[in-house]
Structures are given as structure tokens and as C-alpha cells.
Amino acid sequence: MTKPRTPRAPAALNANAAAPASATARVAAADARPTLGFGVPATSDPHHFKVIIPRSNTAPVQVSEYLG
């Protein structure tokens, strides 16, 4: 026979519940790097695509690739 299980508090089930949110925020702030647009690093010119979508429905969409 097995012993009946004792109910646990919800916080005891979550291993991260004991860690304060500010400790996590400090780690994220230390690792933060300046970015442009959708996360392109601002410190260098990496390989990326530039998409220009015109307001007009008849004008072509322009896609340009920059090799960095």
C-alpha cells in the first residue's frame, strides 16, 4: 500500500516562486544590448533585410539584403 499524498501549496510546486522578481530583472538589465527596430544590434552593421511596404496597393514591395 502507498501512503496518501499530502497536498502542497501552489508556491511549493514552482521552483522559481522563491526567487524575487527583482533578481531576474537585474540579470536581464545587465545582459541588455542596444538594438534598433526588431532587435538588430545597434553596435555593428550585421547581415539583415530591409523591407519597404508602400501605402499604395499597386506599388511594388521592395526587399533589400544588406550583407553587413
PDB file of N, CA and C in Angstrom:
ATOM      1  N   MET A   1       0.827  -1.185   0.000  1.00  0.00           N
ATOM      2  CA  MET A   1       0.000   0.000   0.000  1.00  0.00           C
ATOM      3  C   MET A   1       0.874   1.252   0.000  1.00  0.00           C
ATOM      4  N   THR A   2       0.370   2.298  -0.598  1.00  0.00           N
ATOM      5  CA  THR A   2       1.108   3.556  -0.628  1.00  0.00           C
ATOM      6  C   THR A   2       0.486   4.533   0.344  1.00  0.00           C
ATOM      7  N   LYS A   3       1.318   5.470   0.767  1.00  0.00           N
ATOM      8  CA  LYS A   3       0.819   6.498   1.676  1.00  0.00           C
ATOM      9  C   LYS A   3       0.011   7.518   0.887  1.00  0.00           C
ATOM     10  N   PRO A   4      -1.011   8.075   1.483  1.00  0.00           N
ATOM     11  CA  PRO A   4      -1.744   9.144   0.792  1.00  0.00           C
ATOM     12  C   PRO A   4      -0.852  10.377   0.662  1.00  0.00           C
ATOM     13  N   ARG A   5      -0.966  11.043  -0.453  1.00  0.00           N
ATOM     14  CA  ARG A   5      -0.156  12.233  -0.716  1.00  0.00           C
ATOM     15  C   ARG A   5      -0.705  13.417   0.050  1.00  0.00           C
ATOM     16  N   THR A   6       0.204  14.217   0.565  1.00  0.00           N
ATOM     17  CA  THR A   6      -0.216  15.427   1.257  1.00  0.00           C
ATOM     18  C   THR A   6      -0.287  16.561   0.245  1.00  0.00           C
ATOM     19  N   PRO A   7      -1.321  17.374   0.316  1.00  0.00           N
ATOM     20  CA  PRO A   7      -1.427  18.488  -0.640  1.00  0.00           C
ATOM     21  C   PRO A   7      -0.336  19.522  -0.383  1.00  0.00           C
ATOM     22  N   ARG A   8       0.181  20.087  -1.461  1.00  0.00           N
ATOM     23  CA  ARG A   8       1.213  21.117  -1.371  1.00  0.00           C
ATOM     24  C   ARG A   8       0.615  22.470  -1.720  1.00  0.00           C
ATOM     25  N   ALA A   9       1.263  23.491  -1.209  1.00  0.00           N
ATOM     26  CA  ALA A   9       0.866  24.851  -1.571  1.00  0.00           C
ATOM     27  C   ALA A   9       1.311  25.107  -3.008  1.00  0.00           C
ATOM     28  N   PRO A  10       0.578  25.896  -3.794  1.00  0.00           N
ATOM     29  CA  PRO A  10       0.964  26.152  -5.190  1.00  0.00           C
ATOM     30  C   PRO A  10       2.370  26.729  -5.324  1.00  0.00           C
ATOM     31  N   ALA A  11       2.811  27.561  -4.387  1.00  0.00           N
ATOM     32  CA  ALA A  11       4.145  28.155  -4.490  1.00  0.00           C
ATOM     33  C   ALA A  11       5.232  27.104  -4.334  1.00  0.00           C
ATOM     34  N   ALA A  12       4.955  26.044  -3.599  1.00  0.00           N
ATOM     35  CA  ALA A  12       5.954  24.999  -3.398  1.00  0.00           C
ATOM     36  C   ALA A  12       6.191  24.210  -4.681  1.00  0.00           C
ATOM     37  N   LEU A  13       5.242  24.203  -5.590  1.00  0.00           N
ATOM     38  CA  LEU A  13       5.386  23.480  -6.843  1.00  0.00           C
ATOM     39  C   LEU A  13       6.249  24.238  -7.843  1.00  0.00           C
ATOM     40  N   ASN A  14       6.314  25.544  -7.706  1.00  0.00           N
ATOM     41  CA  ASN A  14       7.075  26.372  -8.636  1.00  0.00           C
ATOM     42  C   ASN A  14       8.443  26.674  -8.038  1.00  0.00           C
ATOM     43  N   ALA A  15       9.505  26.168  -8.654  1.00  0.00           N
ATOM     44  CA  ALA A  15      10.858  26.360  -8.124  1.00  0.00           C
ATOM     45  C   ALA A  15      11.283  27.819  -8.178  1.00  0.00           C
ATOM     46  N   ASN A  16      10.750  28.591  -9.120  1.00  0.00           N
ATOM     47  CA  ASN A  16      11.135  30.000  -9.265  1.00  0.00           C
ATOM     48  C   ASN A  16      10.322  30.922  -8.373  1.00  0.00           C
ATOM     49  N   ALA A  17       9.346  30.398  -7.663  1.00  0.00           N
ATOM     50  CA  ALA A  17       8.487  31.252  -6.851  1.00  0.00           C
ATOM     51  C   ALA A  17       9.260  31.889  -5.710  1.00  0.00           C
ATOM     52  N   ALA A  18      10.291  31.217  -5.210  1.00  0.00           N
ATOM     53  CA  ALA A  18      11.047  31.750  -4.086  1.00  0.00           C
ATOM     54  C   ALA A  18      11.974  32.885  -4.510  1.00  0.00           C
ATOM     55  N   ALA A  19      12.417  32.903  -5.749  1.00  0.00           N
ATOM     56  CA  ALA A  19      13.329  33.944  -6.223  1.00  0.00           C
ATOM     57  C   ALA A  19      12.562  35.239  -6.448  1.00  0.00           C
ATOM     58  N   PRO A  20      13.059  36.338  -5.918  1.00  0.00           N
ATOM     59  CA  PRO A  20      12.369  37.608  -6.148  1.00  0.00           C
ATOM     60  C   PRO A  20      12.471  38.033  -7.610  1.00  0.00           C
ATOM     61  N   ALA A  21      11.451  38.702  -8.092  1.00  0.00           N
ATOM     62  CA  ALA A  21      11.426  39.141  -9.490  1.00  0.00           C
ATOM     63  C   ALA A  21      12.539  40.142  -9.771  1.00  0.00           C
ATOM     64  N   SER A  22      12.940  40.918  -8.759  1.00  0.00           N
ATOM     65  CA  SER A  22      13.969  41.926  -8.984  1.00  0.00           C
ATOM     66  C   SER A  22      15.320  41.297  -9.323  1.00  0.00           C
ATOM     67  N   ALA A  23      15.606  40.108  -8.788  1.00  0.00           N
ATOM     68  CA  ALA A  23      16.868  39.436  -9.116  1.00  0.00           C
ATOM     69  C   ALA A  23      16.897  39.064 -10.589  1.00  0.00           C
ATOM     70  N   THR A  24      15.776  38.583 -11.105  1.00  0.00           N
ATOM     71  CA  THR A  24      15.687  38.243 -12.518  1.00  0.00           C
ATOM     72  C   THR A  24      15.807  39.496 -13.370  1.00  0.00           C
ATOM     73  N   ALA A  25      15.182  40.577 -12.952  1.00  0.00           N
ATOM     74  CA  ALA A  25      15.235  41.826 -13.709  1.00  0.00           C
ATOM     75  C   ALA A  25      16.656  42.376 -13.755  1.00  0.00           C
ATOM     76  N   ARG A  26      17.409  42.225 -12.653  1.00  0.00           N
ATOM     77  CA  ARG A  26      18.785  42.716 -12.640  1.00  0.00           C
ATOM     78  C   ARG A  26      19.654  41.946 -13.627  1.00  0.00           C
ATOM     79  N   VAL A  27      19.457  40.650 -13.743  1.00  0.00           N
ATOM     80  CA  VAL A  27      20.228  39.843 -14.694  1.00  0.00           C
ATOM     81  C   VAL A  27      19.884  40.255 -16.116  1.00  0.00           C
ATOM     82  N   ALA A  28      18.589  40.459 -16.406  1.00  0.00           N
ATOM     83  CA  ALA A  28      18.170  40.859 -17.746  1.00  0.00           C
ATOM     84  C   ALA A  28      18.716  42.241 -18.098  1.00  0.00           C
ATOM     85  N   ALA A  29      18.735  43.161 -17.130  1.00  0.00           N
ATOM     86  CA  ALA A  29      19.238  44.507 -17.401  1.00  0.00           C
ATOM     87  C   ALA A  29      20.741  44.482 -17.654  1.00  0.00           C
ATOM     88  N   ALA A  30      21.462  43.597 -16.987  1.00  0.00           N
ATOM     89  CA  ALA A  30      22.905  43.511 -17.191  1.00  0.00           C
ATOM     90  C   ALA A  30      23.234  42.948 -18.571  1.00  0.00           C
ATOM     91  N   ASP A  31      22.383  42.075 -19.102  1.00  0.00           N
ATOM     92  CA  ASP A  31      22.611  41.468 -20.408  1.00  0.00           C
ATOM     93  C   ASP A  31      22.013  42.278 -21.554  1.00  0.00           C
ATOM     94  N   ALA A  32      21.303  43.359 -21.261  1.00  0.00           N
ATOM     95  CA  ALA A  32      20.627  44.137 -22.297  1.00  0.00           C
ATOM     96  C   ALA A  32      21.652  44.786 -23.224  1.00  0.00           C
ATOM     97  N   ARG A  33      21.374  44.709 -24.510  1.00  0.00           N
ATOM     98  CA  ARG A  33      22.228  45.334 -25.521  1.00  0.00           C
ATOM     99  C   ARG A  33      21.362  46.279 -26.343  1.00  0.00           C
ATOM    100  N   PRO A  34      21.882  47.440 -26.731  1.00  0.00           N
ATOM    101  CA  PRO A  34      21.075  48.372 -27.525  1.00  0.00           C
ATOM    102  C   PRO A  34      20.726  47.781 -28.886  1.00  0.00           C
ATOM    103  N   THR A  35      19.473  47.938 -29.282  1.00  0.00           N
ATOM    104  CA  THR A  35      19.005  47.407 -30.564  1.00  0.00           C
ATOM    105  C   THR A  35      18.221  48.459 -31.320  1.00  0.00           C
ATOM    106  N   LEU A  36      18.054  48.217 -32.617  1.00  0.00           N
ATOM    107  CA  LEU A  36      17.257  49.068 -33.492  1.00  0.00           C
ATOM    108  C   LEU A  36      16.140  48.235 -34.086  1.00  0.00           C
ATOM    109  N   GLY A  37      14.985  48.831 -34.303  1.00  0.00           N
ATOM    110  CA  GLY A  37      13.884  48.134 -34.972  1.00  0.00           C
ATOM    111  C   GLY A  37      13.474  46.862 -34.265  1.00  0.00           C
ATOM    112  N   PHE A  38      13.567  45.740 -34.949  1.00  0.00           N
ATOM    113  CA  PHE A  38      13.136  44.456 -34.408  1.00  0.00           C
ATOM    114  C   PHE A  38      14.301  43.660 -33.840  1.00  0.00           C
ATOM    115  N   GLY A  39      15.175  44.296 -33.102  1.00  0.00           N
ATOM    116  CA  GLY A  39      16.255  43.592 -32.437  1.00  0.00           C
ATOM    117  C   GLY A  39      17.573  43.562 -33.174  1.00  0.00           C
ATOM    118  N   VAL A  40      17.751  44.395 -34.186  1.00  0.00           N
ATOM    119  CA  VAL A  40      19.033  44.463 -34.897  1.00  0.00           C
ATOM    120  C   VAL A  40      20.033  45.168 -33.977  1.00  0.00           C
ATOM    121  N   PRO A  41      21.195  44.581 -33.714  1.00  0.00           N
ATOM    122  CA  PRO A  41      22.165  45.224 -32.823  1.00  0.00           C
ATOM    123  C   PRO A  41      22.575  46.601 -33.333  1.00  0.00           C
ATOM    124  N   ALA A  42      22.619  47.581 -32.427  1.00  0.00           N
ATOM    125  CA  ALA A  42      22.980  48.948 -32.796  1.00  0.00           C
ATOM    126  C   ALA A  42      24.488  49.149 -32.820  1.00  0.00           C
ATOM    127  N   THR A  43      25.256  48.183 -32.342  1.00  0.00           N
ATOM    128  CA  THR A  43      26.706  48.351 -32.241  1.00  0.00           C
ATOM    129  C   THR A  43      27.447  48.009 -33.520  1.00  0.00           C
ATOM    130  N   SER A  44      26.843  47.277 -34.426  1.00  0.00           N
ATOM    131  CA  SER A  44      27.511  46.913 -35.676  1.00  0.00           C
ATOM    132  C   SER A  44      26.489  46.905 -36.804  1.00  0.00           C
ATOM    133  N   ASP A  45      26.937  46.594 -38.003  1.00  0.00           N
ATOM    134  CA  ASP A  45      26.039  46.528 -39.153  1.00  0.00           C
ATOM    135  C   ASP A  45      25.949  45.071 -39.602  1.00  0.00           C
ATOM    136  N   PRO A  46      25.119  44.260 -38.942  1.00  0.00           N
ATOM    137  CA  PRO A  46      25.057  42.834 -39.274  1.00  0.00           C
ATOM    138  C   PRO A  46      24.275  42.574 -40.549  1.00  0.00           C
ATOM    139  N   HIS A  47      24.343  41.350 -41.011  1.00  0.00           N
ATOM    140  CA  HIS A  47      23.564  40.911 -42.169  1.00  0.00           C
ATOM    141  C   HIS A  47      22.085  41.048 -41.831  1.00  0.00           C
ATOM    142  N   HIS A  48      21.332  41.759 -42.673  1.00  0.00           N
ATOM    143  CA  HIS A  48      19.904  41.932 -42.417  1.00  0.00           C
ATOM    144  C   HIS A  48      19.171  42.254 -43.714  1.00  0.00           C
ATOM    145  N   PHE A  49      17.859  42.208 -43.645  1.00  0.00           N
ATOM    146  CA  PHE A  49      16.993  42.550 -44.768  1.00  0.00           C
ATOM    147  C   PHE A  49      16.235  43.823 -44.431  1.00  0.00           C
ATOM    148  N   LYS A  50      15.999  44.638 -45.454  1.00  0.00           N
ATOM    149  CA  LYS A  50      15.191  45.844 -45.298  1.00  0.00           C
ATOM    150  C   LYS A  50      14.003  45.701 -46.238  1.00  0.00           C
ATOM    151  N   VAL A  51      12.793  45.810 -45.689  1.00  0.00           N
ATOM    152  CA  VAL A  51      11.567  45.656 -46.474  1.00  0.00           C
ATOM    153  C   VAL A  51      10.822  46.980 -46.449  1.00  0.00           C
ATOM    154  N   ILE A  52      10.511  47.497 -47.639  1.00  0.00           N
ATOM    155  CA  ILE A  52       9.738  48.737 -47.762  1.00  0.00           C
ATOM    156  C   ILE A  52       8.379  48.372 -48.344  1.00  0.00           C
ATOM    157  N   ILE A  53       7.335  48.612 -47.548  1.00  0.00           N
ATOM    158  CA  ILE A  53       5.965  48.318 -47.983  1.00  0.00           C
ATOM    159  C   ILE A  53       5.271  49.653 -48.244  1.00  0.00           C
ATOM    160  N   PRO A  54       4.928  49.943 -49.498  1.00  0.00           N
ATOM    161  CA  PRO A  54       4.304  51.227 -49.822  1.00  0.00           C
ATOM    162  C   PRO A  54       2.848  51.283 -49.361  1.00  0.00           C
ATOM    163  N   ARG A  55       2.337  52.489 -49.248  1.00  0.00           N
ATOM    164  CA  ARG A  55       0.931  52.668 -48.867  1.00  0.00           C
ATOM    165  C   ARG A  55      -0.010  52.257 -49.993  1.00  0.00           C
ATOM    166  N   SER A  56       0.421  52.428 -51.221  1.00  0.00           N
ATOM    167  CA  SER A  56      -0.410  52.114 -52.379  1.00  0.00           C
ATOM    168  C   SER A  56      -0.483  50.606 -52.599  1.00  0.00           C
ATOM    169  N   ASN A  57      -1.643  50.123 -53.006  1.00  0.00           N
ATOM    170  CA  ASN A  57      -1.808  48.697 -53.304  1.00  0.00           C
ATOM    171  C   ASN A  57      -1.156  48.299 -54.626  1.00  0.00           C
ATOM    172  N   THR A  58      -0.913  49.265 -55.502  1.00  0.00           N
ATOM    173  CA  THR A  58      -0.363  48.948 -56.822  1.00  0.00           C
ATOM    174  C   THR A  58       1.159  49.089 -56.882  1.00  0.00           C
ATOM    175  N   ALA A  59       1.758  49.763 -55.913  1.00  0.00           N
ATOM    176  CA  ALA A  59       3.215  49.950 -55.905  1.00  0.00           C
ATOM    177  C   ALA A  59       3.898  48.658 -55.442  1.00  0.00           C
ATOM    178  N   PRO A  60       5.094  48.388 -55.967  1.00  0.00           N
ATOM    179  CA  PRO A  60       5.782  47.141 -55.590  1.00  0.00           C
ATOM    180  C   PRO A  60       6.381  47.212 -54.179  1.00  0.00           C
ATOM    181  N   VAL A  61       6.465  46.068 -53.544  1.00  0.00           N
ATOM    182  CA  VAL A  61       7.150  45.938 -52.261  1.00  0.00           C
ATOM    183  C   VAL A  61       8.633  45.749 -52.562  1.00  0.00           C
ATOM    184  N   GLN A  62       9.490  46.485 -51.862  1.00  0.00           N
ATOM    185  CA  GLN A  62      10.933  46.402 -52.093  1.00  0.00           C
ATOM    186  C   GLN A  62      11.598  45.633 -50.954  1.00  0.00           C
ATOM    187  N   VAL A  63      12.369  44.607 -51.305  1.00  0.00           N
ATOM    188  CA  VAL A  63      13.131  43.827 -50.330  1.00  0.00           C
ATOM    189  C   VAL A  63      14.603  43.962 -50.686  1.00  0.00           C
ATOM    190  N   SER A  64      15.402  44.471 -49.745  1.00  0.00           N
ATOM    191  CA  SER A  64      16.842  44.650 -49.960  1.00  0.00           C
ATOM    192  C   SER A  64      17.602  43.838 -48.921  1.00  0.00           C
ATOM    193  N   GLU A  65      18.703  43.220 -49.355  1.00  0.00           N
ATOM    194  CA  GLU A  65      19.543  42.447 -48.444  1.00  0.00           C
ATOM    195  C   GLU A  65      20.854  43.187 -48.239  1.00  0.00           C
ATOM    196  N   TYR A  66      21.232  43.379 -46.978  1.00  0.00           N
ATOM    197  CA  TYR A  66      22.490  44.028 -46.626  1.00  0.00           C
ATOM    198  C   TYR A  66      23.389  42.986 -45.973  1.00  0.00           C
ATOM    199  N   LEU A  67      24.563  42.781 -46.542  1.00  0.00           N
ATOM    200  CA  LEU A  67      25.451  41.724 -46.074  1.00  0.00           C
ATOM    201  C   LEU A  67      26.313  42.133 -44.884  1.00  0.00           C
ATOM    202  N   GLY A  68      26.268  43.398 -44.513  1.00  0.00           N
ATOM    203  CA  GLY A  68      26.968  43.827 -43.308  1.00  0.00           C
ATOM    204  C   GLY A  68      28.344  44.190 -43.477  1.00  0.00           C
TER     205      GLY A  68
END
